[in-house]
Amino acid sequence: MEFLVASAIGVLTAGGIYLMLRLRTFPVILGISLLTYAVNVFLFASGRLTVGAPPILQKGVETYTDPLPQALVLTAIVISFGMTAVVVMIALGAYLGSDDDHVDDPAGSAGSDGRDAT
């Protein structure tokens, strides 16, 4: 089970980094989202991967799952959803304002209307 989770974290991280290196805004946003998912799975896995174990130590219970990573992941999901919505709106506004969705426009290059960007 640990190998499967570690492989999933590796695949999410590799895909996120690959997409973040693209020149368009939408793949960059997807890459950041994939990296966020990888960090969430990593945080969740840090609380011990046990199946059917209670999150609170009680009498007669030998193994338990740490509830703190679960709470951190829940909070991180809400924050990442909000930040993704903000970044999508900023990217949409930048695209509608310049008719271009390239991430790395060089300084001094002419925009779509022919004016200098400086």
C-alpha atoms as a PDB file:
ATOM      1  CA  MET A   1       0.000   0.000   0.000  1.00  0.00           C
ATOM      2  CA  GLU A   2       2.844   2.381   0.829  1.00  0.00           C
ATOM      3  CA  PHE A   3       4.442   1.766  -2.575  1.00  0.00           C
ATOM      4  CA  LEU A   4       1.170   2.575  -4.337  1.00  0.00           C
ATOM      5  CA  VAL A   5       0.715   5.836  -2.423  1.00  0.00           C
ATOM      6  CA  ALA A   6       4.361   6.819  -2.924  1.00  0.00           C
ATOM      7  CA  SER A   7       4.043   6.098  -6.657  1.00  0.00           C
ATOM      8  CA  ALA A   8       0.870   8.193  -6.861  1.00  0.00           C
ATOM      9  CA  ILE A   9       2.648  11.084  -5.126  1.00  0.00           C
ATOM     10  CA  GLY A  10       5.561  10.767  -7.558  1.00  0.00           C
ATOM     11  CA  VAL A  11       3.312  10.685 -10.626  1.00  0.00           C
ATOM     12  CA  LEU A  12       1.294  13.695  -9.423  1.00  0.00           C
ATOM     13  CA  THR A  13       4.484  15.628  -8.685  1.00  0.00           C
ATOM     14  CA  ALA A  14       6.077  14.765 -12.041  1.00  0.00           C
ATOM     15  CA  GLY A  15       2.913  15.671 -13.947  1.00  0.00           C
ATOM     16  CA  GLY A  16       2.552  18.915 -12.005  1.00  0.00           C
ATOM     17  CA  ILE A  17       6.128  19.991 -12.664  1.00  0.00           C
ATOM     18  CA  TYR A  18       5.819  19.084 -16.354  1.00  0.00           C
ATOM     19  CA  LEU A  19       2.646  21.139 -16.726  1.00  0.00           C
ATOM     20  CA  MET A  20       4.092  24.077 -14.784  1.00  0.00           C
ATOM     21  CA  LEU A  21       6.904  24.342 -17.334  1.00  0.00           C
ATOM     22  CA  ARG A  22       4.489  24.920 -20.236  1.00  0.00           C
ATOM     23  CA  LEU A  23       4.170  28.347 -21.874  1.00  0.00           C
ATOM     24  CA  ARG A  24       0.387  28.725 -21.569  1.00  0.00           C
ATOM     25  CA  THR A  25      -1.551  29.724 -18.457  1.00  0.00           C
ATOM     26  CA  PHE A  26      -4.084  26.877 -18.337  1.00  0.00           C
ATOM     27  CA  PRO A  27      -1.486  24.060 -18.165  1.00  0.00           C
ATOM     28  CA  VAL A  28       0.379  26.039 -15.501  1.00  0.00           C
ATOM     29  CA  ILE A  29      -2.804  26.242 -13.416  1.00  0.00           C
ATOM     30  CA  LEU A  30      -3.377  22.498 -13.863  1.00  0.00           C
ATOM     31  CA  GLY A  31       0.242  21.832 -12.852  1.00  0.00           C
ATOM     32  CA  ILE A  32      -0.136  23.849  -9.669  1.00  0.00           C
ATOM     33  CA  SER A  33      -3.329  21.926  -8.905  1.00  0.00           C
ATOM     34  CA  LEU A  34      -1.567  18.587  -9.427  1.00  0.00           C
ATOM     35  CA  LEU A  35       1.247  19.665  -7.109  1.00  0.00           C
ATOM     36  CA  THR A  36      -1.347  20.648  -4.522  1.00  0.00           C
ATOM     37  CA  TYR A  37      -2.943  17.207  -4.786  1.00  0.00           C
ATOM     38  CA  ALA A  38       0.473  15.564  -4.386  1.00  0.00           C
ATOM     39  CA  VAL A  39       1.154  17.547  -1.212  1.00  0.00           C
ATOM     40  CA  ASN A  40      -2.307  16.680   0.126  1.00  0.00           C
ATOM     41  CA  VAL A  41      -1.754  12.952  -0.448  1.00  0.00           C
ATOM     42  CA  PHE A  42       1.685  13.234   1.172  1.00  0.00           C
ATOM     43  CA  LEU A  43       0.206  14.951   4.227  1.00  0.00           C
ATOM     44  CA  PHE A  44      -2.559  12.374   4.437  1.00  0.00           C
ATOM     45  CA  ALA A  45      -0.071   9.500   4.194  1.00  0.00           C
ATOM     46  CA  SER A  46       2.038  10.977   6.978  1.00  0.00           C
ATOM     47  CA  GLY A  47      -0.690  10.055   9.481  1.00  0.00           C
ATOM     48  CA  ARG A  48      -0.083   6.299   9.060  1.00  0.00           C
ATOM     49  CA  LEU A  49      -1.778   4.252   6.394  1.00  0.00           C
ATOM     50  CA  THR A  50      -4.017   1.959   8.411  1.00  0.00           C
ATOM     51  CA  VAL A  51      -7.315   0.569   7.190  1.00  0.00           C
ATOM     52  CA  GLY A  52     -10.290   0.601   9.548  1.00  0.00           C
ATOM     53  CA  ALA A  53      -8.396   2.082  12.519  1.00  0.00           C
ATOM     54  CA  PRO A  54     -10.137   4.698  14.668  1.00  0.00           C
ATOM     55  CA  PRO A  55      -8.751   8.260  14.707  1.00  0.00           C
ATOM     56  CA  ILE A  56      -8.882   8.427  18.522  1.00  0.00           C
ATOM     57  CA  LEU A  57      -7.070   6.123  20.943  1.00  0.00           C
ATOM     58  CA  GLN A  58      -9.593   4.324  23.142  1.00  0.00           C
ATOM     59  CA  LYS A  59      -9.466   1.474  25.640  1.00  0.00           C
ATOM     60  CA  GLY A  60      -8.810  -1.847  23.953  1.00  0.00           C
ATOM     61  CA  VAL A  61      -7.549  -0.278  20.717  1.00  0.00           C
ATOM     62  CA  GLU A  62      -4.004  -1.210  19.714  1.00  0.00           C
ATOM     63  CA  THR A  63      -3.551   0.894  16.566  1.00  0.00           C
ATOM     64  CA  TYR A  64      -5.029   4.239  15.647  1.00  0.00           C
ATOM     65  CA  THR A  65      -4.797   6.816  12.881  1.00  0.00           C
ATOM     66  CA  ASP A  66      -3.477  10.282  13.605  1.00  0.00           C
ATOM     67  CA  PRO A  67      -6.357  12.765  12.999  1.00  0.00           C
ATOM     68  CA  LEU A  68      -4.101  15.825  12.572  1.00  0.00           C
ATOM     69  CA  PRO A  69      -3.028  15.107   8.949  1.00  0.00           C
ATOM     70  CA  GLN A  70      -6.669  14.510   8.060  1.00  0.00           C
ATOM     71  CA  ALA A  71      -7.615  17.927   9.428  1.00  0.00           C
ATOM     72  CA  LEU A  72      -4.655  19.543   7.631  1.00  0.00           C
ATOM     73  CA  VAL A  73      -5.630  17.961   4.326  1.00  0.00           C
ATOM     74  CA  LEU A  74      -9.246  19.057   4.704  1.00  0.00           C
ATOM     75  CA  THR A  75      -8.101  22.621   5.327  1.00  0.00           C
ATOM     76  CA  ALA A  76      -5.624  22.452   2.430  1.00  0.00           C
ATOM     77  CA  ILE A  77      -8.348  21.269   0.043  1.00  0.00           C
ATOM     78  CA  VAL A  78     -10.527  24.267   0.867  1.00  0.00           C
ATOM     79  CA  ILE A  79      -7.622  26.717   0.556  1.00  0.00           C
ATOM     80  CA  SER A  80      -6.387  25.209  -2.723  1.00  0.00           C
ATOM     81  CA  PHE A  81      -9.884  25.359  -4.218  1.00  0.00           C
ATOM     82  CA  GLY A  82     -10.154  29.040  -3.357  1.00  0.00           C
ATOM     83  CA  MET A  83      -6.680  29.840  -4.648  1.00  0.00           C
ATOM     84  CA  THR A  84      -7.311  27.936  -7.885  1.00  0.00           C
ATOM     85  CA  ALA A  85     -10.466  29.993  -8.449  1.00  0.00           C
ATOM     86  CA  VAL A  86      -8.522  33.223  -7.846  1.00  0.00           C
ATOM     87  CA  VAL A  87      -5.693  32.212 -10.198  1.00  0.00           C
ATOM     88  CA  VAL A  88      -8.164  31.168 -12.918  1.00  0.00           C
ATOM     89  CA  MET A  89      -9.874  34.560 -12.699  1.00  0.00           C
ATOM     90  CA  ILE A  90      -6.545  36.407 -12.848  1.00  0.00           C
ATOM     91  CA  ALA A  91      -5.472  34.329 -15.869  1.00  0.00           C
ATOM     92  CA  LEU A  92      -8.813  34.923 -17.573  1.00  0.00           C
ATOM     93  CA  GLY A  93      -8.535  38.663 -16.976  1.00  0.00           C
ATOM     94  CA  ALA A  94      -4.973  38.695 -18.347  1.00  0.00           C
ATOM     95  CA  TYR A  95      -6.072  36.748 -21.432  1.00  0.00           C
ATOM     96  CA  LEU A  96      -9.063  38.997 -22.106  1.00  0.00           C
ATOM     97  CA  GLY A  97      -6.938  42.100 -21.580  1.00  0.00           C
ATOM     98  CA  SER A  98      -4.131  41.167 -23.955  1.00  0.00           C
ATOM     99  CA  ASP A  99      -5.540  38.416 -26.213  1.00  0.00           C
ATOM    100  CA  ASP A 100      -2.529  36.289 -25.304  1.00  0.00           C
ATOM    101  CA  ASP A 101      -2.120  33.563 -22.706  1.00  0.00           C
ATOM    102  CA  HIS A 102       1.630  33.094 -22.779  1.00  0.00           C
ATOM    103  CA  VAL A 103       3.252  32.970 -19.362  1.00  0.00           C
ATOM    104  CA  ASP A 104       6.696  34.319 -20.221  1.00  0.00           C
ATOM    105  CA  ASP A 105       6.302  37.340 -22.478  1.00  0.00           C
ATOM    106  CA  PRO A 106       9.761  38.917 -22.713  1.00  0.00           C
ATOM    107  CA  ALA A 107      10.129  42.482 -21.470  1.00  0.00           C
ATOM    108  CA  GLY A 108       9.885  45.025 -24.246  1.00  0.00           C
ATOM    109  CA  SER A 109       7.975  42.800 -26.655  1.00  0.00           C
ATOM    110  CA  ALA A 110       5.104  44.332 -28.575  1.00  0.00           C
ATOM    111  CA  GLY A 111       1.622  43.409 -27.405  1.00  0.00           C
ATOM    112  CA  SER A 112      -1.277  42.366 -29.587  1.00  0.00           C
ATOM    113  CA  ASP A 113      -2.192  46.005 -30.276  1.00  0.00           C
ATOM    114  CA  GLY A 114       1.314  46.973 -31.447  1.00  0.00           C
ATOM    115  CA  ARG A 115       2.244  49.084 -28.417  1.00  0.00           C
ATOM    116  CA  ASP A 116       5.431  48.531 -26.492  1.00  0.00           C
ATOM    117  CA  ALA A 117       4.921  46.629 -23.202  1.00  0.00           C
ATOM    118  CA  THR A 118       7.306  48.812 -21.183  1.00  0.00           C
END
